[in-house]
Amino acid sequence: MVGRAGGGAAVGDSPRFPRIIGGVFGISPMTTVQITISDALAKEAAAEGLLEPGSIEAILRERLAAARIAKMQATRQKLAAAGTSPMTAEEIEAEIQAYRAERRRAAGA
């Protein structure tokens, strides 16, 4: 189960509490997560300190980083299998300039 810490409306859901992008003073809005695991697993994890908020956050960040790396590696393998060569710095710059020119044309239309 996922919900807002403290319950109630989230910041940004009312005119009284406007949404603040990036949180306040570098603190991100928090979400409460409830999990259901066996008592034995909970006791073992608690004994190792794995149920502490900092530990859970670190575990999630590590898994998310690993997932991003795996996706990037899969994409690299697909590109290699397709036989496409990497773009040169000049080709990338030309694509950026073309995109910007198109945006300027669309804005002026």
N, C-alpha and C. Protein backbone atom coordinates (compact mmCIF):
# COMPACT_ATOMS: atom_id res chain seq x y z
N MET A 1 0.85 -1.17 0.00
CA MET A 1 0.00 0.00 0.00
C MET A 1 0.89 1.23 0.00
N VAL A 2 0.53 2.21 -0.77
CA VAL A 2 1.31 3.43 -0.87
C VAL A 2 0.40 4.60 -0.56
N GLY A 3 0.87 5.53 0.23
CA GLY A 3 0.07 6.71 0.56
C GLY A 3 0.96 7.83 1.03
N ARG A 4 0.37 8.96 1.27
CA ARG A 4 1.10 10.13 1.74
C ARG A 4 1.36 10.00 3.23
N ALA A 5 2.54 10.38 3.66
CA ALA A 5 2.85 10.37 5.08
C ALA A 5 1.91 11.33 5.80
N GLY A 6 1.32 10.88 6.89
CA GLY A 6 0.42 11.73 7.64
C GLY A 6 -1.00 11.69 7.12
N GLY A 7 -1.25 11.02 6.01
CA GLY A 7 -2.60 10.92 5.45
C GLY A 7 -3.08 12.26 4.93
N GLY A 8 -4.33 12.32 4.52
CA GLY A 8 -4.93 13.56 4.05
C GLY A 8 -4.48 13.94 2.66
N ALA A 9 -4.79 15.17 2.31
CA ALA A 9 -4.48 15.66 0.97
C ALA A 9 -2.99 15.91 0.83
N ALA A 10 -2.50 15.65 -0.34
CA ALA A 10 -1.10 15.90 -0.63
C ALA A 10 -0.90 17.39 -0.89
N VAL A 11 0.30 17.86 -0.61
CA VAL A 11 0.63 19.25 -0.92
C VAL A 11 0.41 19.45 -2.41
N GLY A 12 -0.27 20.49 -2.79
CA GLY A 12 -0.54 20.74 -4.19
C GLY A 12 -1.95 20.35 -4.58
N ASP A 13 -2.67 19.67 -3.65
CA ASP A 13 -4.03 19.26 -3.94
C ASP A 13 -5.05 20.33 -3.55
N SER A 14 -4.60 21.42 -2.97
CA SER A 14 -5.52 22.49 -2.60
C SER A 14 -4.85 23.83 -2.83
N PRO A 15 -5.65 24.89 -2.98
CA PRO A 15 -5.06 26.21 -3.18
C PRO A 15 -4.28 26.69 -1.95
N ARG A 16 -4.65 26.17 -0.77
CA ARG A 16 -3.99 26.59 0.46
C ARG A 16 -2.56 26.08 0.53
N PHE A 17 -2.30 24.90 -0.07
CA PHE A 17 -0.98 24.29 -0.05
C PHE A 17 -0.53 24.04 -1.49
N PRO A 18 0.00 25.06 -2.17
CA PRO A 18 0.39 24.88 -3.57
C PRO A 18 1.54 23.88 -3.69
N ARG A 19 1.59 23.21 -4.83
CA ARG A 19 2.66 22.24 -5.08
C ARG A 19 3.98 22.97 -5.20
N ILE A 20 4.97 22.44 -4.51
CA ILE A 20 6.31 23.00 -4.57
C ILE A 20 7.19 21.97 -5.25
N ILE A 21 7.68 22.30 -6.42
CA ILE A 21 8.49 21.36 -7.19
C ILE A 21 9.83 21.19 -6.49
N GLY A 22 10.22 19.93 -6.29
CA GLY A 22 11.50 19.65 -5.66
C GLY A 22 11.46 19.68 -4.15
N GLY A 23 10.29 19.88 -3.55
CA GLY A 23 10.20 19.88 -2.10
C GLY A 23 10.60 21.22 -1.51
N VAL A 24 10.57 21.27 -0.20
CA VAL A 24 10.91 22.49 0.52
C VAL A 24 12.33 22.36 1.05
N PHE A 25 13.18 23.33 0.76
CA PHE A 25 14.55 23.34 1.25
C PHE A 25 15.28 22.04 0.92
N GLY A 26 15.04 21.50 -0.26
CA GLY A 26 15.71 20.30 -0.71
C GLY A 26 15.14 19.01 -0.14
N ILE A 27 14.06 19.11 0.63
CA ILE A 27 13.42 17.91 1.18
C ILE A 27 12.27 17.53 0.27
N SER A 28 12.32 16.31 -0.24
CA SER A 28 11.27 15.84 -1.15
C SER A 28 10.04 15.45 -0.35
N PRO A 29 8.86 15.57 -0.95
CA PRO A 29 7.65 15.06 -0.30
C PRO A 29 7.85 13.57 -0.02
N MET A 30 7.28 13.09 1.06
CA MET A 30 7.47 11.71 1.49
C MET A 30 6.22 10.89 1.23
N THR A 31 6.40 9.60 0.96
CA THR A 31 5.32 8.65 0.76
C THR A 31 5.50 7.52 1.77
N THR A 32 4.40 7.07 2.34
CA THR A 32 4.43 5.94 3.27
C THR A 32 4.13 4.67 2.48
N VAL A 33 4.94 3.65 2.70
CA VAL A 33 4.77 2.37 2.02
C VAL A 33 4.57 1.29 3.10
N GLN A 34 3.54 0.50 2.95
CA GLN A 34 3.29 -0.60 3.88
C GLN A 34 3.47 -1.91 3.12
N ILE A 35 4.23 -2.84 3.71
CA ILE A 35 4.44 -4.14 3.07
C ILE A 35 3.97 -5.25 4.00
N THR A 36 3.63 -6.38 3.42
CA THR A 36 3.25 -7.55 4.19
C THR A 36 4.27 -8.65 3.90
N ILE A 37 5.00 -9.06 4.95
CA ILE A 37 5.98 -10.13 4.84
C ILE A 37 5.80 -11.06 6.03
N SER A 38 6.41 -12.22 5.95
CA SER A 38 6.27 -13.18 7.04
C SER A 38 6.95 -12.64 8.30
N ASP A 39 6.48 -13.11 9.45
CA ASP A 39 7.07 -12.69 10.72
C ASP A 39 8.54 -13.06 10.79
N ALA A 40 8.88 -14.24 10.30
CA ALA A 40 10.27 -14.69 10.35
C ALA A 40 11.17 -13.77 9.53
N LEU A 41 10.71 -13.42 8.34
CA LEU A 41 11.50 -12.52 7.49
C LEU A 41 11.60 -11.14 8.14
N ALA A 42 10.51 -10.65 8.71
CA ALA A 42 10.51 -9.34 9.36
C ALA A 42 11.50 -9.32 10.53
N LYS A 43 11.51 -10.37 11.34
CA LYS A 43 12.42 -10.43 12.48
C LYS A 43 13.87 -10.45 12.03
N GLU A 44 14.15 -11.25 11.02
CA GLU A 44 15.53 -11.34 10.51
C GLU A 44 15.98 -10.01 9.90
N ALA A 45 15.10 -9.41 9.12
CA ALA A 45 15.43 -8.12 8.48
C ALA A 45 15.61 -7.04 9.54
N ALA A 46 14.75 -7.03 10.55
CA ALA A 46 14.86 -6.03 11.62
C ALA A 46 16.16 -6.22 12.39
N ALA A 47 16.53 -7.47 12.64
CA ALA A 47 17.77 -7.74 13.37
C ALA A 47 18.99 -7.22 12.62
N GLU A 48 18.91 -7.20 11.30
CA GLU A 48 20.01 -6.69 10.47
C GLU A 48 19.88 -5.19 10.19
N GLY A 49 18.84 -4.58 10.70
CA GLY A 49 18.63 -3.14 10.48
C GLY A 49 18.06 -2.81 9.11
N LEU A 50 17.55 -3.82 8.41
CA LEU A 50 17.08 -3.60 7.04
C LEU A 50 15.70 -2.96 6.97
N LEU A 51 14.99 -2.88 8.08
CA LEU A 51 13.66 -2.27 8.06
C LEU A 51 13.69 -0.80 8.47
N GLU A 52 14.87 -0.29 8.72
CA GLU A 52 15.01 1.13 9.03
C GLU A 52 14.78 1.93 7.75
N PRO A 53 14.15 3.11 7.87
CA PRO A 53 13.86 3.90 6.66
C PRO A 53 15.08 4.14 5.77
N GLY A 54 16.22 4.44 6.37
CA GLY A 54 17.42 4.68 5.57
C GLY A 54 17.88 3.44 4.82
N SER A 55 17.75 2.28 5.47
CA SER A 55 18.14 1.03 4.83
C SER A 55 17.22 0.69 3.67
N ILE A 56 15.94 0.84 3.90
CA ILE A 56 14.97 0.54 2.84
C ILE A 56 15.18 1.48 1.65
N GLU A 57 15.41 2.75 1.94
CA GLU A 57 15.65 3.71 0.85
C GLU A 57 16.91 3.33 0.07
N ALA A 58 17.97 2.93 0.78
CA ALA A 58 19.21 2.54 0.11
C ALA A 58 18.99 1.31 -0.77
N ILE A 59 18.26 0.34 -0.25
CA ILE A 59 17.97 -0.87 -1.02
C ILE A 59 17.20 -0.52 -2.29
N LEU A 60 16.18 0.32 -2.16
CA LEU A 60 15.38 0.71 -3.32
C LEU A 60 16.22 1.47 -4.34
N ARG A 61 17.06 2.39 -3.86
CA ARG A 61 17.91 3.15 -4.78
C ARG A 61 18.89 2.23 -5.52
N GLU A 62 19.47 1.26 -4.80
CA GLU A 62 20.39 0.30 -5.44
C GLU A 62 19.67 -0.52 -6.51
N ARG A 63 18.48 -1.00 -6.21
CA ARG A 63 17.72 -1.81 -7.16
C ARG A 63 17.30 -0.97 -8.37
N LEU A 64 16.90 0.28 -8.13
CA LEU A 64 16.52 1.15 -9.25
C LEU A 64 17.72 1.44 -10.15
N ALA A 65 18.87 1.67 -9.53
CA ALA A 65 20.08 1.91 -10.32
C ALA A 65 20.42 0.68 -11.15
N ALA A 66 20.32 -0.50 -10.53
CA ALA A 66 20.60 -1.74 -11.25
C ALA A 66 19.63 -1.93 -12.41
N ALA A 67 18.36 -1.59 -12.19
CA ALA A 67 17.36 -1.72 -13.26
C ALA A 67 17.67 -0.76 -14.41
N ARG A 68 18.07 0.48 -14.08
CA ARG A 68 18.42 1.45 -15.13
C ARG A 68 19.62 0.96 -15.94
N ILE A 69 20.62 0.41 -15.25
CA ILE A 69 21.80 -0.10 -15.94
C ILE A 69 21.43 -1.27 -16.85
N ALA A 70 20.58 -2.16 -16.35
CA ALA A 70 20.16 -3.31 -17.16
C ALA A 70 19.41 -2.84 -18.41
N LYS A 71 18.56 -1.84 -18.27
CA LYS A 71 17.83 -1.31 -19.43
C LYS A 71 18.79 -0.68 -20.43
N MET A 72 19.77 0.05 -19.91
CA MET A 72 20.74 0.69 -20.79
C MET A 72 21.56 -0.37 -21.53
N GLN A 73 21.97 -1.42 -20.83
CA GLN A 73 22.73 -2.49 -21.48
C GLN A 73 21.90 -3.20 -22.54
N ALA A 74 20.61 -3.42 -22.25
CA ALA A 74 19.73 -4.06 -23.23
C ALA A 74 19.61 -3.18 -24.47
N THR A 75 19.50 -1.88 -24.27
CA THR A 75 19.41 -0.95 -25.39
C THR A 75 20.70 -0.97 -26.20
N ARG A 76 21.83 -0.99 -25.52
CA ARG A 76 23.11 -1.06 -26.23
C ARG A 76 23.20 -2.33 -27.07
N GLN A 77 22.75 -3.46 -26.51
CA GLN A 77 22.78 -4.72 -27.26
C GLN A 77 21.88 -4.66 -28.48
N LYS A 78 20.71 -4.04 -28.34
CA LYS A 78 19.80 -3.90 -29.48
C LYS A 78 20.43 -3.03 -30.57
N LEU A 79 21.07 -1.95 -30.15
CA LEU A 79 21.72 -1.07 -31.12
C LEU A 79 22.87 -1.80 -31.82
N ALA A 80 23.63 -2.55 -31.06
CA ALA A 80 24.75 -3.29 -31.65
C ALA A 80 24.23 -4.35 -32.62
N ALA A 81 23.14 -5.02 -32.26
CA ALA A 81 22.56 -6.05 -33.13
C ALA A 81 21.98 -5.44 -34.41
N ALA A 82 21.50 -4.20 -34.31
CA ALA A 82 20.92 -3.53 -35.48
C ALA A 82 22.00 -3.04 -36.43
N GLY A 83 23.23 -3.02 -35.95
CA GLY A 83 24.33 -2.61 -36.83
C GLY A 83 24.45 -1.10 -36.99
N THR A 84 23.81 -0.35 -36.13
CA THR A 84 23.93 1.10 -36.22
C THR A 84 25.21 1.55 -35.54
N SER A 85 25.85 2.51 -36.14
CA SER A 85 27.09 3.03 -35.55
C SER A 85 26.75 4.24 -34.68
N PRO A 86 27.53 4.49 -33.66
CA PRO A 86 27.28 5.66 -32.80
C PRO A 86 27.40 6.95 -33.60
N MET A 87 26.63 7.93 -33.18
CA MET A 87 26.70 9.24 -33.85
C MET A 87 27.97 9.96 -33.42
N THR A 88 28.53 10.72 -34.33
CA THR A 88 29.70 11.54 -33.99
C THR A 88 29.20 12.79 -33.27
N ALA A 89 30.12 13.49 -32.64
CA ALA A 89 29.76 14.74 -31.97
C ALA A 89 29.17 15.73 -32.97
N GLU A 90 29.69 15.74 -34.18
CA GLU A 90 29.19 16.66 -35.21
C GLU A 90 27.75 16.30 -35.60
N GLU A 91 27.48 15.00 -35.73
CA GLU A 91 26.12 14.57 -36.08
C GLU A 91 25.13 14.92 -34.97
N ILE A 92 25.55 14.75 -33.73
CA ILE A 92 24.68 15.11 -32.61
C ILE A 92 24.41 16.60 -32.61
N GLU A 93 25.44 17.38 -32.81
CA GLU A 93 25.27 18.84 -32.85
C GLU A 93 24.35 19.26 -33.99
N ALA A 94 24.47 18.62 -35.15
CA ALA A 94 23.60 18.93 -36.28
C ALA A 94 22.14 18.59 -35.95
N GLU A 95 21.91 17.48 -35.26
CA GLU A 95 20.54 17.11 -34.86
C GLU A 95 19.98 18.13 -33.88
N ILE A 96 20.80 18.58 -32.94
CA ILE A 96 20.36 19.58 -31.96
C ILE A 96 20.00 20.88 -32.67
N GLN A 97 20.86 21.30 -33.58
CA GLN A 97 20.60 22.56 -34.31
C GLN A 97 19.33 22.45 -35.15
N ALA A 98 19.11 21.30 -35.79
CA ALA A 98 17.91 21.11 -36.59
C ALA A 98 16.67 21.14 -35.71
N TYR A 99 16.74 20.51 -34.55
CA TYR A 99 15.61 20.52 -33.61
C TYR A 99 15.30 21.94 -33.16
N ARG A 100 16.33 22.69 -32.79
CA ARG A 100 16.14 24.07 -32.33
C ARG A 100 15.56 24.95 -33.44
N ALA A 101 16.03 24.76 -34.67
CA ALA A 101 15.52 25.54 -35.80
C ALA A 101 14.05 25.23 -36.01
N GLU A 102 13.67 23.96 -35.90
CA GLU A 102 12.27 23.57 -36.06
C GLU A 102 11.41 24.19 -34.96
N ARG A 103 11.92 24.21 -33.76
CA ARG A 103 11.17 24.82 -32.64
C ARG A 103 10.96 26.32 -32.89
N ARG A 104 12.03 26.98 -33.39
CA ARG A 104 11.91 28.41 -33.67
C ARG A 104 10.89 28.67 -34.76
N ARG A 105 10.91 27.83 -35.81
CA ARG A 105 9.93 27.97 -36.89
C ARG A 105 8.52 27.77 -36.37
N ALA A 106 8.32 26.75 -35.53
CA ALA A 106 6.99 26.48 -34.98
C ALA A 106 6.51 27.60 -34.07
N ALA A 107 7.40 28.19 -33.32
CA ALA A 107 7.04 29.28 -32.42
C ALA A 107 6.68 30.55 -33.20
N GLY A 108 7.33 30.73 -34.34
CA GLY A 108 7.08 31.92 -35.16
C GLY A 108 5.88 31.78 -36.08
N ALA A 109 5.34 30.58 -36.22
CA ALA A 109 4.24 30.33 -37.16
C ALA A 109 2.93 30.85 -36.64
